[in-house]
Amino acid sequence: PPPNPPPRPPRPPCPIPTPPPRPPIPPCPIPTPPRPPPYPRPPPYPIPPPWPRPMPPPSPPPKPPAKTVETVRQRTEATTTRVLMIRAFLPFTL
């Protein structure tokens, strides 16, 4: 029989890959001071009740009617009558 072949040399172990070096841990950030609490909210603007309703603005006074021939005539008559009466009674007041 043929002689046994010489035993194979053992396989070298697989090289374990070494992980890449870790980056250095960054330094702790400077602590920021705590934020102040927010300002208190102002109370909501009070909504006035629907009643009593505000008074409406006063209406402007009515404009005097435009002078018509009739009103002018009436005034003239009244003035004339007044003047005549004063003249009639003047002699008694002196």
Protein backbone atom coordinates (compact mmCIF):
# COMPACT_ATOMS: atom_id res chain seq x y z
CA PRO A 1 0.00 0.00 0.00
CA PRO A 2 1.15 3.51 -0.62
CA PRO A 3 2.49 5.25 2.41
CA ASN A 4 0.24 7.84 4.11
CA PRO A 5 0.88 11.35 2.90
CA PRO A 6 2.48 13.56 5.47
CA PRO A 7 -0.11 15.44 7.56
CA ARG A 8 -0.90 18.95 6.43
CA PRO A 9 0.45 21.73 8.55
CA PRO A 10 -2.32 23.40 10.56
CA ARG A 11 -3.79 26.54 9.06
CA PRO A 12 -2.65 29.74 10.66
CA PRO A 13 -5.53 31.36 12.56
CA CYS A 14 -7.34 34.23 10.78
CA PRO A 15 -6.04 37.52 11.99
CA ILE A 16 -8.74 39.23 14.08
CA PRO A 17 -9.27 42.64 12.56
CA THR A 18 -8.55 45.27 15.13
CA PRO A 19 -11.22 47.96 15.32
CA PRO A 20 -10.10 51.43 14.33
CA PRO A 21 -9.09 53.57 17.27
CA ARG A 22 -12.00 55.37 18.88
CA PRO A 23 -12.15 59.14 18.46
CA PRO A 24 -11.38 60.96 21.69
CA ILE A 25 -14.41 61.89 23.78
CA PRO A 26 -15.06 65.60 23.30
CA PRO A 27 -14.81 67.69 26.46
CA CYS A 28 -18.01 68.47 28.30
CA PRO A 29 -19.66 71.61 26.97
CA ILE A 30 -19.76 74.63 29.22
CA PRO A 31 -23.01 74.35 31.14
CA THR A 32 -25.48 76.99 30.03
CA PRO A 33 -27.31 78.79 32.82
CA PRO A 34 -30.93 77.70 33.17
CA ARG A 35 -33.41 79.81 31.25
CA PRO A 36 -35.48 82.18 33.34
CA PRO A 37 -39.13 81.23 33.57
CA PRO A 38 -41.32 82.93 30.97
CA TYR A 39 -43.04 86.11 31.99
CA PRO A 40 -46.50 85.54 33.41
CA ARG A 41 -49.14 86.06 30.78
CA PRO A 42 -51.23 89.18 31.32
CA PRO A 43 -54.84 88.39 32.12
CA PRO A 44 -57.09 88.46 29.07
CA TYR A 45 -58.65 91.81 28.32
CA PRO A 46 -62.05 91.86 29.99
CA ILE A 47 -64.83 91.66 27.45
CA PRO A 48 -67.51 94.17 28.44
CA PRO A 49 -70.98 92.68 28.86
CA PRO A 50 -73.33 93.30 25.96
CA TRP A 51 -75.71 95.33 28.14
CA PRO A 52 -76.11 98.18 28.85
CA ARG A 53 -75.31 99.27 25.36
CA PRO A 54 -73.46 102.56 25.03
CA MET A 55 -75.66 105.54 24.38
CA PRO A 56 -75.71 106.56 20.72
CA PRO A 57 -73.96 109.85 20.06
CA PRO A 58 -76.34 112.80 20.32
CA SER A 59 -77.81 113.74 16.98
CA PRO A 60 -76.78 117.17 15.72
CA PRO A 61 -79.38 119.91 16.26
CA PRO A 62 -81.78 120.21 13.35
CA LYS A 63 -80.74 122.78 10.81
CA PRO A 64 -82.99 125.82 10.60
CA PRO A 65 -85.15 125.68 7.50
CA ALA A 66 -83.91 127.61 4.55
CA LYS A 67 -85.37 131.11 4.29
CA THR A 68 -88.33 131.07 2.00
CA VAL A 69 -90.12 134.12 0.67
CA GLU A 70 -93.01 133.28 3.02
CA THR A 71 -90.88 133.23 6.20
CA VAL A 72 -89.18 136.49 5.21
CA ARG A 73 -92.58 138.11 4.60
CA GLN A 74 -93.91 136.89 7.98
CA ARG A 75 -90.87 138.27 9.79
CA THR A 76 -91.12 141.58 8.02
CA GLU A 77 -94.80 141.86 8.95
CA ALA A 78 -94.07 141.00 12.59
CA THR A 79 -91.27 143.58 12.76
CA THR A 80 -93.43 146.23 11.11
CA THR A 81 -96.27 145.57 13.54
CA ARG A 82 -93.87 145.79 16.50
CA VAL A 83 -92.39 149.08 15.26
CA LEU A 84 -95.86 150.55 14.71
CA MET A 85 -97.02 149.53 18.20
CA ILE A 86 -93.88 151.00 19.83
CA ARG A 87 -94.38 154.24 17.89
CA ALA A 88 -98.05 154.35 18.88
CA PHE A 89 -97.23 154.05 22.59
CA LEU A 90 -94.08 156.23 22.61
CA PRO A 91 -95.91 159.49 23.34
CA PHE A 92 -97.43 158.00 26.50
CA THR A 93 -94.03 156.89 27.87
CA LEU A 94 -92.44 160.35 27.63
